[in-house]
Amino acid sequence: MKTGILAIALLVASSVYGQVGQDLKNAGKDTKDAAATGAKKTAKGTKKAAKATGHGVKKGTHKVADKVADKTDTAK
């Protein structure tokens, strides 16, 4: 009787151990996927921000240049 109970306990334990191992493997893959997705979204956001900043700087530079040109115009 004790041998039968021990065999059942070992069978259940090995089944649980296998499931835990698979869960850990899946968690590692999910973490890797999340990190890759985060990196891609960060790169996209950074690129978008850099483009907007470039446009803003260009617009501001032209605006300042126009004001300076108006004050230094000697053709009047």
N, C-alpha and C. Protein backbone atom coordinates (compact mmCIF):
# COMPACT_ATOMS: atom_id res chain seq x y z
N MET A 1 0.82 -1.19 0.00
CA MET A 1 0.00 0.00 0.00
C MET A 1 0.86 1.26 0.00
N LYS A 2 1.92 1.25 0.85
CA LYS A 2 2.79 2.41 0.92
C LYS A 2 3.50 2.64 -0.41
N THR A 3 3.86 1.58 -1.08
CA THR A 3 4.54 1.70 -2.36
C THR A 3 3.62 2.33 -3.41
N GLY A 4 2.35 1.95 -3.37
CA GLY A 4 1.38 2.51 -4.32
C GLY A 4 1.17 4.00 -4.08
N ILE A 5 1.09 4.40 -2.84
CA ILE A 5 0.90 5.82 -2.51
C ILE A 5 2.14 6.61 -2.91
N LEU A 6 3.32 6.05 -2.65
CA LEU A 6 4.57 6.70 -3.01
C LEU A 6 4.67 6.86 -4.54
N ALA A 7 4.28 5.84 -5.27
CA ALA A 7 4.32 5.90 -6.73
C ALA A 7 3.38 6.98 -7.26
N ILE A 8 2.19 7.06 -6.68
CA ILE A 8 1.23 8.09 -7.10
C ILE A 8 1.77 9.48 -6.76
N ALA A 9 2.37 9.63 -5.58
CA ALA A 9 2.93 10.93 -5.17
C ALA A 9 4.05 11.35 -6.12
N LEU A 10 4.91 10.41 -6.48
CA LEU A 10 6.01 10.73 -7.41
C LEU A 10 5.48 11.10 -8.80
N LEU A 11 4.45 10.41 -9.23
CA LEU A 11 3.84 10.71 -10.53
C LEU A 11 3.25 12.11 -10.56
N VAL A 12 2.53 12.47 -9.49
CA VAL A 12 1.93 13.80 -9.39
C VAL A 12 3.03 14.87 -9.32
N ALA A 13 4.06 14.60 -8.51
CA ALA A 13 5.16 15.57 -8.36
C ALA A 13 5.87 15.81 -9.68
N SER A 14 6.13 14.76 -10.44
CA SER A 14 6.83 14.92 -11.72
C SER A 14 5.94 15.66 -12.72
N SER A 15 4.66 15.46 -12.66
CA SER A 15 3.74 16.16 -13.54
C SER A 15 3.73 17.66 -13.22
N VAL A 16 3.67 17.99 -11.94
CA VAL A 16 3.68 19.39 -11.50
C VAL A 16 5.02 20.03 -11.87
N TYR A 17 6.11 19.33 -11.67
CA TYR A 17 7.44 19.84 -11.99
C TYR A 17 7.55 20.17 -13.48
N GLY A 18 7.02 19.28 -14.32
CA GLY A 18 7.06 19.53 -15.76
C GLY A 18 6.25 20.76 -16.15
N GLN A 19 5.11 20.95 -15.52
CA GLN A 19 4.26 22.12 -15.81
C GLN A 19 4.94 23.41 -15.36
N VAL A 20 5.57 23.38 -14.21
CA VAL A 20 6.28 24.56 -13.70
C VAL A 20 7.41 24.93 -14.64
N GLY A 21 8.13 23.93 -15.11
CA GLY A 21 9.22 24.18 -16.06
C GLY A 21 8.71 24.82 -17.34
N GLN A 22 7.60 24.34 -17.84
CA GLN A 22 7.02 24.91 -19.07
C GLN A 22 6.53 26.33 -18.82
N ASP A 23 5.93 26.56 -17.66
CA ASP A 23 5.46 27.91 -17.32
C ASP A 23 6.62 28.89 -17.26
N LEU A 24 7.73 28.46 -16.67
CA LEU A 24 8.92 29.33 -16.60
C LEU A 24 9.47 29.61 -17.99
N LYS A 25 9.47 28.61 -18.83
CA LYS A 25 9.96 28.78 -20.20
C LYS A 25 9.07 29.79 -20.94
N ASN A 26 7.76 29.66 -20.78
CA ASN A 26 6.82 30.59 -21.43
C ASN A 26 6.98 32.00 -20.88
N ALA A 27 7.21 32.12 -19.59
CA ALA A 27 7.40 33.44 -18.98
C ALA A 27 8.65 34.10 -19.53
N GLY A 28 9.69 33.35 -19.73
CA GLY A 28 10.93 33.89 -20.31
C GLY A 28 10.70 34.38 -21.73
N LYS A 29 9.95 33.62 -22.52
CA LYS A 29 9.66 34.03 -23.89
C LYS A 29 8.79 35.29 -23.91
N ASP A 30 7.80 35.34 -23.00
CA ASP A 30 6.94 36.53 -22.93
C ASP A 30 7.74 37.77 -22.54
N THR A 31 8.68 37.60 -21.62
CA THR A 31 9.52 38.73 -21.21
C THR A 31 10.38 39.21 -22.38
N LYS A 32 10.93 38.27 -23.12
CA LYS A 32 11.76 38.62 -24.28
C LYS A 32 10.92 39.37 -25.32
N ASP A 33 9.72 38.87 -25.58
CA ASP A 33 8.84 39.53 -26.55
C ASP A 33 8.46 40.93 -26.10
N ALA A 34 8.18 41.08 -24.81
CA ALA A 34 7.80 42.39 -24.27
C ALA A 34 8.96 43.38 -24.38
N ALA A 35 10.16 42.91 -24.13
CA ALA A 35 11.34 43.78 -24.23
C ALA A 35 11.55 44.22 -25.67
N ALA A 36 11.39 43.31 -26.61
CA ALA A 36 11.55 43.66 -28.02
C ALA A 36 10.49 44.65 -28.47
N THR A 37 9.26 44.44 -28.05
CA THR A 37 8.17 45.36 -28.40
C THR A 37 8.42 46.73 -27.81
N GLY A 38 8.85 46.78 -26.56
CA GLY A 38 9.15 48.05 -25.91
C GLY A 38 10.26 48.80 -26.62
N ALA A 39 11.29 48.07 -27.04
CA ALA A 39 12.41 48.70 -27.75
C ALA A 39 11.96 49.27 -29.08
N LYS A 40 11.12 48.54 -29.80
CA LYS A 40 10.63 49.03 -31.09
C LYS A 40 9.77 50.28 -30.92
N LYS A 41 8.91 50.28 -29.91
CA LYS A 41 8.04 51.44 -29.69
C LYS A 41 8.85 52.65 -29.23
N THR A 42 9.88 52.41 -28.43
CA THR A 42 10.75 53.51 -28.00
C THR A 42 11.48 54.11 -29.19
N ALA A 43 11.99 53.26 -30.06
CA ALA A 43 12.70 53.75 -31.24
C ALA A 43 11.77 54.56 -32.13
N LYS A 44 10.55 54.08 -32.31
CA LYS A 44 9.58 54.79 -33.13
C LYS A 44 9.25 56.15 -32.52
N GLY A 45 9.02 56.19 -31.21
CA GLY A 45 8.70 57.44 -30.53
C GLY A 45 9.85 58.42 -30.59
N THR A 46 11.07 57.93 -30.42
CA THR A 46 12.25 58.78 -30.48
C THR A 46 12.42 59.38 -31.87
N LYS A 47 12.21 58.56 -32.88
CA LYS A 47 12.33 59.04 -34.26
C LYS A 47 11.28 60.12 -34.54
N LYS A 48 10.07 59.90 -34.07
CA LYS A 48 8.99 60.86 -34.27
C LYS A 48 9.31 62.17 -33.56
N ALA A 49 9.80 62.09 -32.33
CA ALA A 49 10.15 63.29 -31.56
C ALA A 49 11.29 64.05 -32.22
N ALA A 50 12.29 63.33 -32.71
CA ALA A 50 13.43 63.98 -33.36
C ALA A 50 12.98 64.71 -34.62
N LYS A 51 12.08 64.10 -35.37
CA LYS A 51 11.57 64.72 -36.59
C LYS A 51 10.80 66.00 -36.25
N ALA A 52 9.95 65.93 -35.24
CA ALA A 52 9.16 67.10 -34.83
C ALA A 52 10.07 68.21 -34.31
N THR A 53 11.09 67.84 -33.57
CA THR A 53 12.04 68.83 -33.05
C THR A 53 12.78 69.50 -34.20
N GLY A 54 13.19 68.71 -35.17
CA GLY A 54 13.88 69.28 -36.35
C GLY A 54 13.01 70.27 -37.08
N HIS A 55 11.74 69.94 -37.25
CA HIS A 55 10.82 70.86 -37.93
C HIS A 55 10.64 72.14 -37.11
N GLY A 56 10.53 72.00 -35.80
CA GLY A 56 10.36 73.16 -34.93
C GLY A 56 11.57 74.08 -34.97
N VAL A 57 12.75 73.49 -34.94
CA VAL A 57 13.99 74.29 -34.99
C VAL A 57 14.09 75.02 -36.33
N LYS A 58 13.78 74.32 -37.39
CA LYS A 58 13.84 74.93 -38.72
C LYS A 58 12.86 76.10 -38.82
N LYS A 59 11.65 75.90 -38.34
CA LYS A 59 10.63 76.94 -38.39
C LYS A 59 11.06 78.14 -37.54
N GLY A 60 11.57 77.88 -36.35
CA GLY A 60 12.03 78.96 -35.47
C GLY A 60 13.20 79.71 -36.06
N THR A 61 14.11 79.01 -36.69
CA THR A 61 15.28 79.65 -37.31
C THR A 61 14.84 80.58 -38.43
N HIS A 62 13.92 80.13 -39.23
CA HIS A 62 13.42 80.97 -40.33
C HIS A 62 12.70 82.20 -39.78
N LYS A 63 11.95 82.02 -38.72
CA LYS A 63 11.21 83.12 -38.12
C LYS A 63 12.18 84.19 -37.59
N VAL A 64 13.22 83.75 -36.90
CA VAL A 64 14.22 84.68 -36.38
C VAL A 64 14.97 85.35 -37.52
N ALA A 65 15.32 84.59 -38.53
CA ALA A 65 16.04 85.16 -39.67
C ALA A 65 15.20 86.24 -40.35
N ASP A 66 13.91 86.02 -40.48
CA ASP A 66 13.03 87.02 -41.09
C ASP A 66 12.99 88.29 -40.25
N LYS A 67 12.92 88.18 -38.93
CA LYS A 67 12.88 89.35 -38.06
C LYS A 67 14.20 90.12 -38.13
N VAL A 68 15.30 89.39 -38.15
CA VAL A 68 16.61 90.05 -38.24
C VAL A 68 16.74 90.74 -39.60
N ALA A 69 16.29 90.09 -40.64
CA ALA A 69 16.38 90.67 -41.98
C ALA A 69 15.55 91.95 -42.07
N ASP A 70 14.41 92.00 -41.42
CA ASP A 70 13.55 93.19 -41.42
C ASP A 70 14.26 94.35 -40.73
N LYS A 71 15.02 94.10 -39.69
CA LYS A 71 15.70 95.16 -38.94
C LYS A 71 16.99 95.61 -39.59
N THR A 72 17.59 94.77 -40.40
CA THR A 72 18.87 95.11 -41.02
C THR A 72 18.74 95.44 -42.49
N ASP A 73 17.52 95.56 -42.97
CA ASP A 73 17.30 95.84 -44.38
C ASP A 73 17.70 97.30 -44.67
N THR A 74 18.71 97.52 -45.52
CA THR A 74 19.20 98.86 -45.83
C THR A 74 18.60 99.39 -47.13
N ALA A 75 17.76 98.64 -47.74
CA ALA A 75 17.16 99.06 -49.03
C ALA A 75 16.07 100.09 -48.83
N LYS A 76 15.62 100.33 -47.64
CA LYS A 76 14.50 101.25 -47.38
C LYS A 76 14.89 102.69 -47.57
